[in-house]
PDB file of N, CA and C in Angstrom:
ATOM      1  N   UNK A   1       0.832  -1.182   0.000  1.00  0.00           N
ATOM      2  CA  UNK A   1       0.000   0.000   0.000  1.00  0.00           C
ATOM      3  C   UNK A   1       0.876   1.244   0.000  1.00  0.00           C
ATOM      4  N   UNK A   2       0.756   2.058  -1.010  1.00  0.00           N
ATOM      5  CA  UNK A   2       1.492   3.318  -1.012  1.00  0.00           C
ATOM      6  C   UNK A   2       0.794   4.356  -0.125  1.00  0.00           C
ATOM      7  N   UNK A   3       1.588   5.110   0.613  1.00  0.00           N
ATOM      8  CA  UNK A   3       1.088   6.243   1.375  1.00  0.00           C
ATOM      9  C   UNK A   3       1.902   7.449   0.949  1.00  0.00           C
ATOM     10  N   UNK A   4       1.227   8.445   0.400  1.00  0.00           N
ATOM     11  CA  UNK A   4       1.903   9.635  -0.090  1.00  0.00           C
ATOM     12  C   UNK A   4       1.335  10.843   0.633  1.00  0.00           C
ATOM     13  N   UNK A   5       2.210  11.536   1.345  1.00  0.00           N
ATOM     14  CA  UNK A   5       1.771  12.741   2.027  1.00  0.00           C
ATOM     15  C   UNK A   5       2.549  13.928   1.479  1.00  0.00           C
ATOM     16  N   UNK A   6       1.834  15.027   1.352  1.00  0.00           N
ATOM     17  CA  UNK A   6       2.399  16.223   0.746  1.00  0.00           C
ATOM     18  C   UNK A   6       2.252  17.399   1.690  1.00  0.00           C
ATOM     19  N   UNK A   7       3.336  18.110   1.865  1.00  0.00           N
ATOM     20  CA  UNK A   7       3.319  19.372   2.604  1.00  0.00           C
ATOM     21  C   UNK A   7       3.455  20.477   1.564  1.00  0.00           C
ATOM     22  N   UNK A   8       2.504  21.403   1.583  1.00  0.00           N
ATOM     23  CA  UNK A   8       2.410  22.428   0.554  1.00  0.00           C
ATOM     24  C   UNK A   8       2.402  23.786   1.253  1.00  0.00           C
ATOM     25  N   UNK A   9       3.205  24.717   0.765  1.00  0.00           N
ATOM     26  CA  UNK A   9       3.355  25.993   1.455  1.00  0.00           C
ATOM     27  C   UNK A   9       2.245  26.999   1.161  1.00  0.00           C
ATOM     28  N   UNK A  10       1.342  26.668   0.250  1.00  0.00           N
ATOM     29  CA  UNK A  10       0.278  27.594  -0.133  1.00  0.00           C
ATOM     30  C   UNK A  10      -1.085  26.969   0.168  1.00  0.00           C
ATOM     31  N   UNK A  11      -2.142  27.778   0.181  1.00  0.00           N
ATOM     32  CA  UNK A  11      -3.486  27.207   0.375  1.00  0.00           C
ATOM     33  C   UNK A  11      -3.860  26.297  -0.796  1.00  0.00           C
ATOM     34  N   UNK A  12      -4.637  25.284  -0.491  1.00  0.00           N
ATOM     35  CA  UNK A  12      -5.082  24.307  -1.484  1.00  0.00           C
ATOM     36  C   UNK A  12      -6.606  24.337  -1.523  1.00  0.00           C
ATOM     37  N   UNK A  13      -7.169  24.614  -2.690  1.00  0.00           N
ATOM     38  CA  UNK A  13      -8.627  24.614  -2.810  1.00  0.00           C
ATOM     39  C   UNK A  13      -9.136  23.178  -2.884  1.00  0.00           C
ATOM     40  N   UNK A  14     -10.422  22.982  -2.628  1.00  0.00           N
ATOM     41  CA  UNK A  14     -11.026  21.643  -2.737  1.00  0.00           C
ATOM     42  C   UNK A  14     -10.874  21.110  -4.158  1.00  0.00           C
ATOM     43  N   UNK A  15     -11.015  21.984  -5.146  1.00  0.00           N
ATOM     44  CA  UNK A  15     -10.880  21.579  -6.538  1.00  0.00           C
ATOM     45  C   UNK A  15      -9.455  21.103  -6.829  1.00  0.00           C
ATOM     46  N   UNK A  16      -8.459  21.832  -6.323  1.00  0.00           N
ATOM     47  CA  UNK A  16      -7.069  21.422  -6.509  1.00  0.00           C
ATOM     48  C   UNK A  16      -6.798  20.093  -5.805  1.00  0.00           C
ATOM     49  N   UNK A  17      -7.327  19.953  -4.601  1.00  0.00           N
ATOM     50  CA  UNK A  17      -7.127  18.712  -3.855  1.00  0.00           C
ATOM     51  C   UNK A  17      -7.738  17.527  -4.603  1.00  0.00           C
ATOM     52  N   UNK A  18      -8.936  17.699  -5.123  1.00  0.00           N
ATOM     53  CA  UNK A  18      -9.591  16.628  -5.870  1.00  0.00           C
ATOM     54  C   UNK A  18      -8.805  16.285  -7.128  1.00  0.00           C
ATOM     55  N   UNK A  19      -8.321  17.290  -7.832  1.00  0.00           N
ATOM     56  CA  UNK A  19      -7.530  17.035  -9.044  1.00  0.00           C
ATOM     57  C   UNK A  19      -6.202  16.360  -8.700  1.00  0.00           C
ATOM     58  N   UNK A  20      -5.557  16.786  -7.619  1.00  0.00           N
ATOM     59  CA  UNK A  20      -4.334  16.106  -7.169  1.00  0.00           C
ATOM     60  C   UNK A  20      -4.621  14.653  -6.848  1.00  0.00           C
ATOM     61  N   UNK A  21      -5.707  14.390  -6.135  1.00  0.00           N
ATOM     62  CA  UNK A  21      -6.085  13.019  -5.776  1.00  0.00           C
ATOM     63  C   UNK A  21      -6.269  12.169  -7.028  1.00  0.00           C
ATOM     64  N   UNK A  22      -6.976  12.702  -7.998  1.00  0.00           N
ATOM     65  CA  UNK A  22      -7.251  11.958  -9.227  1.00  0.00           C
ATOM     66  C   UNK A  22      -5.965  11.663  -9.997  1.00  0.00           C
ATOM     67  N   UNK A  23      -5.153  12.675 -10.152  1.00  0.00           N
ATOM     68  CA  UNK A  23      -3.931  12.499 -10.940  1.00  0.00           C
ATOM     69  C   UNK A  23      -2.884  11.660 -10.221  1.00  0.00           C
ATOM     70  N   UNK A  24      -2.832  11.747  -8.885  1.00  0.00           N
ATOM     71  CA  UNK A  24      -1.921  10.877  -8.129  1.00  0.00           C
ATOM     72  C   UNK A  24      -2.369   9.426  -8.235  1.00  0.00           C
ATOM     73  N   UNK A  25      -3.684   9.217  -8.284  1.00  0.00           N
ATOM     74  CA  UNK A  25      -4.221   7.871  -8.464  1.00  0.00           C
ATOM     75  C   UNK A  25      -3.814   7.261  -9.789  1.00  0.00           C
ATOM     76  N   UNK A  26      -3.662   8.082 -10.797  1.00  0.00           N
ATOM     77  CA  UNK A  26      -3.189   7.614 -12.097  1.00  0.00           C
ATOM     78  C   UNK A  26      -1.669   7.434 -12.091  1.00  0.00           C
ATOM     79  N   UNK A  27      -0.968   8.366 -11.487  1.00  0.00           N
ATOM     80  CA  UNK A  27       0.493   8.336 -11.483  1.00  0.00           C
ATOM     81  C   UNK A  27       1.051   7.136 -10.731  1.00  0.00           C
ATOM     82  N   UNK A  28       0.369   6.704  -9.682  1.00  0.00           N
ATOM     83  CA  UNK A  28       0.902   5.587  -8.884  1.00  0.00           C
ATOM     84  C   UNK A  28       1.031   4.315  -9.711  1.00  0.00           C
ATOM     85  N   UNK A  29       0.281   4.227 -10.803  1.00  0.00           N
ATOM     86  CA  UNK A  29       0.365   3.050 -11.675  1.00  0.00           C
ATOM     87  C   UNK A  29       1.689   2.970 -12.434  1.00  0.00           C
ATOM     88  N   UNK A  30       2.489   4.024 -12.384  1.00  0.00           N
ATOM     89  CA  UNK A  30       3.827   3.981 -12.977  1.00  0.00           C
ATOM     90  C   UNK A  30       4.765   3.088 -12.170  1.00  0.00           C
ATOM     91  N   UNK A  31       4.382   2.784 -10.944  1.00  0.00           N
ATOM     92  CA  UNK A  31       5.152   1.861 -10.105  1.00  0.00           C
ATOM     93  C   UNK A  31       4.499   0.492 -10.250  1.00  0.00           C
ATOM     94  N   UNK A  32       5.229  -0.486 -10.746  1.00  0.00           N
ATOM     95  CA  UNK A  32       4.635  -1.810 -11.000  1.00  0.00           C
ATOM     96  C   UNK A  32       3.912  -2.380  -9.784  1.00  0.00           C
ATOM     97  N   UNK A  33       2.697  -2.875 -10.027  1.00  0.00           N
ATOM     98  CA  UNK A  33       1.909  -3.526  -8.991  1.00  0.00           C
ATOM     99  C   UNK A  33       1.138  -2.575  -8.086  1.00  0.00           C
ATOM    100  N   UNK A  34       1.219  -1.270  -8.325  1.00  0.00           N
ATOM    101  CA  UNK A  34       0.537  -0.296  -7.470  1.00  0.00           C
ATOM    102  C   UNK A  34      -0.642   0.315  -8.227  1.00  0.00           C
ATOM    103  N   UNK A  35      -1.696   0.635  -7.480  1.00  0.00           N
ATOM    104  CA  UNK A  35      -2.883   1.235  -8.095  1.00  0.00           C
ATOM    105  C   UNK A  35      -3.590   2.123  -7.079  1.00  0.00           C
ATOM    106  N   UNK A  36      -4.519   2.919  -7.574  1.00  0.00           N
ATOM    107  CA  UNK A  36      -5.273   3.813  -6.711  1.00  0.00           C
ATOM    108  C   UNK A  36      -6.118   3.046  -5.693  1.00  0.00           C
ATOM    109  N   UNK A  37      -6.440   1.807  -6.005  1.00  0.00           N
ATOM    110  CA  UNK A  37      -7.283   1.007  -5.112  1.00  0.00           C
ATOM    111  C   UNK A  37      -6.721   0.929  -3.696  1.00  0.00           C
ATOM    112  N   UNK A  38      -5.410   0.955  -3.552  1.00  0.00           N
ATOM    113  CA  UNK A  38      -4.787   0.846  -2.233  1.00  0.00           C
ATOM    114  C   UNK A  38      -4.015   2.102  -1.834  1.00  0.00           C
ATOM    115  N   UNK A  39      -4.150   3.161  -2.607  1.00  0.00           N
ATOM    116  CA  UNK A  39      -3.388   4.386  -2.369  1.00  0.00           C
ATOM    117  C   UNK A  39      -4.001   5.215  -1.244  1.00  0.00           C
ATOM    118  N   UNK A  40      -3.174   5.604  -0.295  1.00  0.00           N
ATOM    119  CA  UNK A  40      -3.578   6.490   0.787  1.00  0.00           C
ATOM    120  C   UNK A  40      -2.838   7.813   0.586  1.00  0.00           C
ATOM    121  N   UNK A  41      -3.596   8.919   0.588  1.00  0.00           N
ATOM    122  CA  UNK A  41      -3.026  10.239   0.353  1.00  0.00           C
ATOM    123  C   UNK A  41      -3.317  11.179   1.517  1.00  0.00           C
ATOM    124  N   UNK A  42      -2.395  12.094   1.749  1.00  0.00           N
ATOM    125  CA  UNK A  42      -2.611  13.165   2.712  1.00  0.00           C
ATOM    126  C   UNK A  42      -2.070  14.449   2.101  1.00  0.00           C
ATOM    127  N   UNK A  43      -2.869  15.511   2.154  1.00  0.00           N
ATOM    128  CA  UNK A  43      -2.441  16.817   1.688  1.00  0.00           C
ATOM    129  C   UNK A  43      -2.513  17.789   2.857  1.00  0.00           C
ATOM    130  N   UNK A  44      -1.391  18.416   3.167  1.00  0.00           N
ATOM    131  CA  UNK A  44      -1.335  19.408   4.239  1.00  0.00           C
ATOM    132  C   UNK A  44      -0.901  20.736   3.612  1.00  0.00           C
ATOM    133  N   UNK A  45      -1.824  21.678   3.579  1.00  0.00           N
ATOM    134  CA  UNK A  45      -1.505  22.955   2.949  1.00  0.00           C
ATOM    135  C   UNK A  45      -1.158  24.013   3.989  1.00  0.00           C
ATOM    136  N   UNK A  46      -0.776  25.174   3.510  1.00  0.00           N
ATOM    137  CA  UNK A  46      -0.385  26.298   4.360  1.00  0.00           C
ATOM    138  C   UNK A  46       0.758  25.967   5.316  1.00  0.00           C
ATOM    139  N   UNK A  47       1.653  25.075   4.904  1.00  0.00           N
ATOM    140  CA  UNK A  47       2.798  24.711   5.745  1.00  0.00           C
ATOM    141  C   UNK A  47       3.844  25.822   5.703  1.00  0.00           C
ATOM    142  N   UNK A  48       4.529  25.990   6.791  1.00  0.00           N
ATOM    143  CA  UNK A  48       5.603  26.980   6.871  1.00  0.00           C
ATOM    144  C   UNK A  48       6.890  26.319   6.398  1.00  0.00           C
ATOM    145  N   UNK A  49       7.096  26.335   5.089  1.00  0.00           N
ATOM    146  CA  UNK A  49       8.276  25.726   4.482  1.00  0.00           C
ATOM    147  C   UNK A  49       9.228  26.826   4.007  1.00  0.00           C
ATOM    148  N   UNK A  50      10.492  26.586   4.230  1.00  0.00           N
ATOM    149  CA  UNK A  50      11.527  27.506   3.783  1.00  0.00           C
ATOM    150  C   UNK A  50      12.509  26.719   2.928  1.00  0.00           C
ATOM    151  N   UNK A  51      12.908  27.286   1.814  1.00  0.00           N
ATOM    152  CA  UNK A  51      13.861  26.644   0.916  1.00  0.00           C
ATOM    153  C   UNK A  51      14.880  27.682   0.477  1.00  0.00           C
ATOM    154  N   UNK A  52      16.151  27.336   0.626  1.00  0.00           N
ATOM    155  CA  UNK A  52      17.225  28.257   0.290  1.00  0.00           C
ATOM    156  C   UNK A  52      17.108  29.577   1.066  1.00  0.00           C
ATOM    157  N   UNK A  53      16.591  29.498   2.292  1.00  0.00           N
ATOM    158  CA  UNK A  53      16.459  30.668   3.152  1.00  0.00           C
ATOM    159  C   UNK A  53      15.290  31.573   2.801  1.00  0.00           C
ATOM    160  N   UNK A  54      14.380  31.078   1.938  1.00  0.00           N
ATOM    161  CA  UNK A  54      13.265  31.906   1.488  1.00  0.00           C
ATOM    162  C   UNK A  54      11.957  31.129   1.564  1.00  0.00           C
ATOM    163  N   UNK A  55      10.853  31.880   1.622  1.00  0.00           N
ATOM    164  CA  UNK A  55       9.533  31.250   1.562  1.00  0.00           C
ATOM    165  C   UNK A  55       8.553  32.105   0.752  1.00  0.00           C
ATOM    166  N   UNK A  56       9.065  32.813  -0.250  1.00  0.00           N
ATOM    167  CA  UNK A  56       8.226  33.707  -1.049  1.00  0.00           C
ATOM    168  C   UNK A  56       7.708  33.072  -2.341  1.00  0.00           C
ATOM    169  N   UNK A  57       7.964  31.777  -2.541  1.00  0.00           N
ATOM    170  CA  UNK A  57       7.443  31.031  -3.681  1.00  0.00           C
ATOM    171  C   UNK A  57       6.832  29.733  -3.162  1.00  0.00           C
ATOM    172  N   UNK A  58       5.891  29.155  -3.908  1.00  0.00           N
ATOM    173  CA  UNK A  58       5.326  27.866  -3.482  1.00  0.00           C
ATOM    174  C   UNK A  58       6.407  26.790  -3.383  1.00  0.00           C
ATOM    175  N   UNK A  59       6.306  25.995  -2.325  1.00  0.00           N
ATOM    176  CA  UNK A  59       7.232  24.891  -2.063  1.00  0.00           C
ATOM    177  C   UNK A  59       6.390  23.663  -1.751  1.00  0.00           C
ATOM    178  N   UNK A  60       6.830  22.507  -2.260  1.00  0.00           N
ATOM    179  CA  UNK A  60       6.121  21.253  -2.005  1.00  0.00           C
ATOM    180  C   UNK A  60       7.137  20.206  -1.556  1.00  0.00           C
ATOM    181  N   UNK A  61       6.821  19.536  -0.467  1.00  0.00           N
ATOM    182  CA  UNK A  61       7.626  18.418   0.035  1.00  0.00           C
ATOM    183  C   UNK A  61       6.725  17.199   0.084  1.00  0.00           C
ATOM    184  N   UNK A  62       7.131  16.145  -0.603  1.00  0.00           N
ATOM    185  CA  UNK A  62       6.320  14.937  -0.733  1.00  0.00           C
ATOM    186  C   UNK A  62       7.079  13.760  -0.135  1.00  0.00           C
ATOM    187  N   UNK A  63       6.401  12.969   0.675  1.00  0.00           N
ATOM    188  CA  UNK A  63       6.956  11.716   1.182  1.00  0.00           C
ATOM    189  C   UNK A  63       6.129  10.576   0.621  1.00  0.00           C
ATOM    190  N   UNK A  64       6.804   9.664  -0.065  1.00  0.00           N
ATOM    191  CA  UNK A  64       6.133   8.518  -0.664  1.00  0.00           C
ATOM    192  C   UNK A  64       6.656   7.248  -0.005  1.00  0.00           C
ATOM    193  N   UNK A  65       5.794   6.600   0.759  1.00  0.00           N
ATOM    194  CA  UNK A  65       6.139   5.331   1.411  1.00  0.00           C
ATOM    195  C   UNK A  65       5.524   4.216   0.571  1.00  0.00           C
ATOM    196  N   UNK A  66       6.384   3.342   0.055  1.00  0.00           N
ATOM    197  CA  UNK A  66       5.950   2.302  -0.878  1.00  0.00           C
ATOM    198  C   UNK A  66       6.307   0.934  -0.293  1.00  0.00           C
ATOM    199  N   UNK A  67       5.342   0.033  -0.318  1.00  0.00           N
ATOM    200  CA  UNK A  67       5.532  -1.316   0.215  1.00  0.00           C
ATOM    201  C   UNK A  67       6.052  -2.253  -0.866  1.00  0.00           C
ATOM    202  N   UNK A  68       7.074  -3.042  -0.518  1.00  0.00           N
ATOM    203  CA  UNK A  68       7.522  -4.156  -1.338  1.00  0.00           C
ATOM    204  C   UNK A  68       8.130  -3.799  -2.682  1.00  0.00           C
ATOM    205  N   UNK A  69       8.849  -2.698  -2.769  1.00  0.00           N
ATOM    206  CA  UNK A  69       9.493  -2.329  -4.028  1.00  0.00           C
ATOM    207  C   UNK A  69      10.906  -1.817  -3.751  1.00  0.00           C
ATOM    208  N   UNK A  70      11.691  -2.636  -3.062  1.00  0.00           N
ATOM    209  CA  UNK A  70      13.042  -2.231  -2.700  1.00  0.00           C
ATOM    210  C   UNK A  70      13.928  -1.932  -3.911  1.00  0.00           C
ATOM    211  N   UNK A  71      13.703  -2.558  -5.072  1.00  0.00           N
ATOM    212  CA  UNK A  71      14.516  -2.183  -6.243  1.00  0.00           C
ATOM    213  C   UNK A  71      14.127  -0.819  -6.838  1.00  0.00           C
ATOM    214  N   UNK A  72      13.035  -0.235  -6.346  1.00  0.00           N
ATOM    215  CA  UNK A  72      12.573   1.092  -6.757  1.00  0.00           C
ATOM    216  C   UNK A  72      12.161   1.159  -8.223  1.00  0.00           C
ATOM    217  N   UNK A  73      11.566   0.089  -8.718  1.00  0.00           N
ATOM    218  CA  UNK A  73      11.059   0.088 -10.087  1.00  0.00           C
ATOM    219  C   UNK A  73      10.015   1.183 -10.272  1.00  0.00           C
ATOM    220  N   UNK A  74      10.156   1.954 -11.336  1.00  0.00           N
ATOM    221  CA  UNK A  74       9.191   2.983 -11.677  1.00  0.00           C
ATOM    222  C   UNK A  74       9.356   4.303 -10.940  1.00  0.00           C
ATOM    223  N   UNK A  75      10.277   4.394  -9.998  1.00  0.00           N
ATOM    224  CA  UNK A  75      10.415   5.620  -9.218  1.00  0.00           C
ATOM    225  C   UNK A  75      10.829   6.814 -10.079  1.00  0.00           C
ATOM    226  N   UNK A  76      11.664   6.576 -11.088  1.00  0.00           N
ATOM    227  CA  UNK A  76      12.098   7.684 -11.937  1.00  0.00           C
ATOM    228  C   UNK A  76      10.917   8.287 -12.692  1.00  0.00           C
ATOM    229  N   UNK A  77      10.086   7.453 -13.297  1.00  0.00           N
ATOM    230  CA  UNK A  77       8.905   7.945 -14.025  1.00  0.00           C
ATOM    231  C   UNK A  77       7.889   8.567 -13.072  1.00  0.00           C
ATOM    232  N   UNK A  78       7.705   7.930 -11.919  1.00  0.00           N
ATOM    233  CA  UNK A  78       6.755   8.440 -10.928  1.00  0.00           C
ATOM    234  C   UNK A  78       7.192   9.813 -10.414  1.00  0.00           C
ATOM    235  N   UNK A  79       8.486   9.974 -10.134  1.00  0.00           N
ATOM    236  CA  UNK A  79       9.006  11.251  -9.664  1.00  0.00           C
ATOM    237  C   UNK A  79       8.769  12.344 -10.703  1.00  0.00           C
ATOM    238  N   UNK A  80       9.069  12.053 -11.952  1.00  0.00           N
ATOM    239  CA  UNK A  80       8.858  13.034 -13.020  1.00  0.00           C
ATOM    240  C   UNK A  80       7.380  13.405 -13.132  1.00  0.00           C
ATOM    241  N   UNK A  81       6.499  12.412 -13.037  1.00  0.00           N
ATOM    242  CA  UNK A  81       5.066  12.670 -13.197  1.00  0.00           C
ATOM    243  C   UNK A  81       4.493  13.473 -12.036  1.00  0.00           C
ATOM    244  N   UNK A  82       4.831  13.120 -10.810  1.00  0.00           N
ATOM    245  CA  UNK A  82       4.249  13.875  -9.694  1.00  0.00           C
ATOM    246  C   UNK A  82       4.829  15.291  -9.620  1.00  0.00           C
ATOM    247  N   UNK A  83       6.080  15.453 -10.037  1.00  0.00           N
ATOM    248  CA  UNK A  83       6.648  16.796 -10.123  1.00  0.00           C
ATOM    249  C   UNK A  83       5.857  17.614 -11.140  1.00  0.00           C
ATOM    250  N   UNK A  84       5.558  17.012 -12.267  1.00  0.00           N
ATOM    251  CA  UNK A  84       4.762  17.687 -13.300  1.00  0.00           C
ATOM    252  C   UNK A  84       3.374  18.046 -12.766  1.00  0.00           C
ATOM    253  N   UNK A  85       2.740  17.118 -12.082  1.00  0.00           N
ATOM    254  CA  UNK A  85       1.381  17.345 -11.554  1.00  0.00           C
ATOM    255  C   UNK A  85       1.360  18.525 -10.591  1.00  0.00           C
ATOM    256  N   UNK A  86       2.223  18.510  -9.592  1.00  0.00           N
ATOM    257  CA  UNK A  86       2.236  19.584  -8.597  1.00  0.00           C
ATOM    258  C   UNK A  86       2.663  20.911  -9.219  1.00  0.00           C
ATOM    259  N   UNK A  87       3.610  20.866 -10.144  1.00  0.00           N
ATOM    260  CA  UNK A  87       4.060  22.071 -10.814  1.00  0.00           C
ATOM    261  C   UNK A  87       2.925  22.708 -11.607  1.00  0.00           C
ATOM    262  N   UNK A  88       2.220  21.891 -12.369  1.00  0.00           N
ATOM    263  CA  UNK A  88       1.132  22.395 -13.203  1.00  0.00           C
ATOM    264  C   UNK A  88      -0.053  22.895 -12.378  1.00  0.00           C
ATOM    265  N   UNK A  89      -0.500  22.099 -11.421  1.00  0.00           N
ATOM    266  CA  UNK A  89      -1.710  22.460 -10.671  1.00  0.00           C
ATOM    267  C   UNK A  89      -1.495  23.572  -9.649  1.00  0.00           C
ATOM    268  N   UNK A  90      -0.296  23.630  -9.068  1.00  0.00           N
ATOM    269  CA  UNK A  90      -0.052  24.603  -8.006  1.00  0.00           C
ATOM    270  C   UNK A  90       0.923  25.702  -8.415  1.00  0.00           C
ATOM    271  N   UNK A  91       1.293  25.728  -9.699  1.00  0.00           N
ATOM    272  CA  UNK A  91       2.191  26.750 -10.230  1.00  0.00           C
ATOM    273  C   UNK A  91       3.473  26.834  -9.400  1.00  0.00           C
ATOM    274  N   UNK A  92       4.031  25.658  -9.149  1.00  0.00           N
ATOM    275  CA  UNK A  92       5.254  25.533  -8.361  1.00  0.00           C
ATOM    276  C   UNK A  92       6.402  25.161  -9.282  1.00  0.00           C
ATOM    277  N   UNK A  93       7.510  25.841  -9.142  1.00  0.00           N
ATOM    278  CA  UNK A  93       8.686  25.516  -9.953  1.00  0.00           C
ATOM    279  C   UNK A  93       9.162  24.109  -9.605  1.00  0.00           C
ATOM    280  N   UNK A  94       9.535  23.312 -10.604  1.00  0.00           N
ATOM    281  CA  UNK A  94      10.025  21.960 -10.321  1.00  0.00           C
ATOM    282  C   UNK A  94      11.187  21.922  -9.321  1.00  0.00           C
ATOM    283  N   UNK A  95      12.028  22.952  -9.333  1.00  0.00           N
ATOM    284  CA  UNK A  95      13.152  22.963  -8.392  1.00  0.00           C
ATOM    285  C   UNK A  95      12.715  23.250  -6.958  1.00  0.00           C
ATOM    286  N   UNK A  96      11.429  23.546  -6.776  1.00  0.00           N
ATOM    287  CA  UNK A  96      10.876  23.753  -5.435  1.00  0.00           C
ATOM    288  C   UNK A  96      10.009  22.583  -4.986  1.00  0.00           C
ATOM    289  N   UNK A  97      10.140  21.460  -5.677  1.00  0.00           N
ATOM    290  CA  UNK A  97       9.376  20.251  -5.346  1.00  0.00           C
ATOM    291  C   UNK A  97      10.371  19.139  -5.016  1.00  0.00           C
ATOM    292  N   UNK A  98      10.270  18.619  -3.806  1.00  0.00           N
ATOM    293  CA  UNK A  98      11.161  17.555  -3.347  1.00  0.00           C
ATOM    294  C   UNK A  98      10.344  16.317  -3.020  1.00  0.00           C
ATOM    295  N   UNK A  99      10.892  15.151  -3.382  1.00  0.00           N
ATOM    296  CA  UNK A  99      10.224  13.881  -3.123  1.00  0.00           C
ATOM    297  C   UNK A  99      11.171  12.997  -2.328  1.00  0.00           C
ATOM    298  N   UNK A 100      10.691  12.528  -1.193  1.00  0.00           N
ATOM    299  CA  UNK A 100      11.454  11.592  -0.358  1.00  0.00           C
ATOM    300  C   UNK A 100      10.757  10.237  -0.428  1.00  0.00           C
ATOM    301  N   UNK A 101      11.533   9.183  -0.614  1.00  0.00           N
ATOM    302  CA  UNK A 101      10.977   7.834  -0.672  1.00  0.00           C
ATOM    303  C   UNK A 101      11.333   7.059   0.594  1.00  0.00           C
ATOM    304  N   UNK A 102      10.406   6.231   1.002  1.00  0.00           N
ATOM    305  CA  UNK A 102      10.616   5.349   2.145  1.00  0.00           C
ATOM    306  C   UNK A 102      10.187   3.936   1.733  1.00  0.00           C
ATOM    307  N   UNK A 103      11.063   2.967   1.973  1.00  0.00           N
ATOM    308  CA  UNK A 103      10.726   1.571   1.697  1.00  0.00           C
ATOM    309  C   UNK A 103       9.973   0.988   2.878  1.00  0.00           C
ATOM    310  N   UNK A 104       8.789   0.496   2.626  1.00  0.00           N
ATOM    311  CA  UNK A 104       8.017  -0.179   3.664  1.00  0.00           C
ATOM    312  C   UNK A 104       8.224  -1.676   3.494  1.00  0.00           C
ATOM    313  N   UNK A 105       8.721  -2.328   4.529  1.00  0.00           N
ATOM    314  CA  UNK A 105       8.955  -3.774   4.450  1.00  0.00           C
ATOM    315  C   UNK A 105       7.891  -4.567   5.196  1.00  0.00           C
ATOM    316  N   UNK A 106       7.118  -3.883   6.031  1.00  0.00           N
ATOM    317  CA  UNK A 106       6.031  -4.546   6.759  1.00  0.00           C
ATOM    318  C   UNK A 106       4.902  -3.544   6.939  1.00  0.00           C
ATOM    319  N   UNK A 107       3.677  -4.067   6.992  1.00  0.00           N
ATOM    320  CA  UNK A 107       2.499  -3.208   7.030  1.00  0.00           C
ATOM    321  C   UNK A 107       1.414  -3.928   7.803  1.00  0.00           C
ATOM    322  N   UNK A 108       0.529  -3.201   8.405  1.00  0.00           N
ATOM    323  CA  UNK A 108      -0.641  -3.790   9.039  1.00  0.00           C
ATOM    324  C   UNK A 108      -1.894  -3.157   8.474  1.00  0.00           C
ATOM    325  N   UNK A 109      -2.853  -3.965   8.077  1.00  0.00           N
ATOM    326  CA  UNK A 109      -4.119  -3.472   7.544  1.00  0.00           C
ATOM    327  C   UNK A 109      -5.199  -4.516   7.777  1.00  0.00           C
ATOM    328  N   UNK A 110      -6.421  -4.055   8.050  1.00  0.00           N
ATOM    329  CA  UNK A 110      -7.552  -4.953   8.321  1.00  0.00           C
ATOM    330  C   UNK A 110      -7.242  -5.921   9.461  1.00  0.00           C
ATOM    331  N   UNK A 111      -6.435  -5.451  10.397  1.00  0.00           N
ATOM    332  CA  UNK A 111      -6.078  -6.294  11.534  1.00  0.00           C
ATOM    333  C   UNK A 111      -5.062  -7.373  11.217  1.00  0.00           C
ATOM    334  N   UNK A 112      -4.467  -7.317  10.015  1.00  0.00           N
ATOM    335  CA  UNK A 112      -3.493  -8.331   9.601  1.00  0.00           C
ATOM    336  C   UNK A 112      -2.110  -7.712   9.473  1.00  0.00           C
ATOM    337  N   UNK A 113      -1.099  -8.469   9.822  1.00  0.00           N
ATOM    338  CA  UNK A 113       0.293  -8.078   9.641  1.00  0.00           C
ATOM    339  C   UNK A 113       0.755  -8.636   8.301  1.00  0.00           C
ATOM    340  N   UNK A 114       1.350  -7.768   7.476  1.00  0.00           N
ATOM    341  CA  UNK A 114       1.830  -8.185   6.160  1.00  0.00           C
ATOM    342  C   UNK A 114       3.317  -7.859   6.081  1.00  0.00           C
ATOM    343  N   UNK A 115       4.123  -8.852   5.813  1.00  0.00           N
ATOM    344  CA  UNK A 115       5.557  -8.714   5.687  1.00  0.00           C
ATOM    345  C   UNK A 115       5.942  -8.954   4.236  1.00  0.00           C
ATOM    346  N   UNK A 116       6.878  -8.189   3.703  1.00  0.00           N
ATOM    347  CA  UNK A 116       7.233  -8.333   2.294  1.00  0.00           C
ATOM    348  C   UNK A 116       7.736  -9.720   1.950  1.00  0.00           C
ATOM    349  N   UNK A 117       8.294 -10.432   2.922  1.00  0.00           N
ATOM    350  CA  UNK A 117       8.810 -11.782   2.661  1.00  0.00           C
ATOM    351  C   UNK A 117       7.689 -12.812   2.526  1.00  0.00           C
ATOM    352  N   UNK A 118       6.485 -12.440   2.943  1.00  0.00           N
ATOM    353  CA  UNK A 118       5.354 -13.367   2.881  1.00  0.00           C
ATOM    354  C   UNK A 118       4.209 -12.820   2.032  1.00  0.00           C
ATOM    355  N   UNK A 119       4.516 -11.843   1.199  1.00  0.00           N
ATOM    356  CA  UNK A 119       3.506 -11.163   0.389  1.00  0.00           C
ATOM    357  C   UNK A 119       3.862 -11.324  -1.070  1.00  0.00           C
ATOM    358  N   UNK A 120       2.971 -11.780  -1.832  1.00  0.00           N
ATOM    359  CA  UNK A 120       3.124 -11.850  -3.294  1.00  0.00           C
ATOM    360  C   UNK A 120       1.805 -12.144  -3.919  1.00  0.00           C
TER     361      UNK A 120
END
């Protein structure tokens, strides 16, 4: 299950949030075996983010936690696509968008423990 949370330095309208949700649901398919069906998203707007000692332009920090993809297949395409999405929808320069990845090796859902060594 991918969990993607975004910290955004500007206000986010409901329309922008819905469009981000829709497009992130499509973009996650660039990572093999992942789909919107299991995607969990969080958008936090109006964050106090500073980059290069400044905060006068929109800044986006994204954390993408992905289960069972230690070889990072599709991350290059996914990074390019989500950078494009946030840049286009929020008028943010690509150099002000950062993506951090986290490998999830174990997960719990529906009261079940899932370990990557026992999941396929």
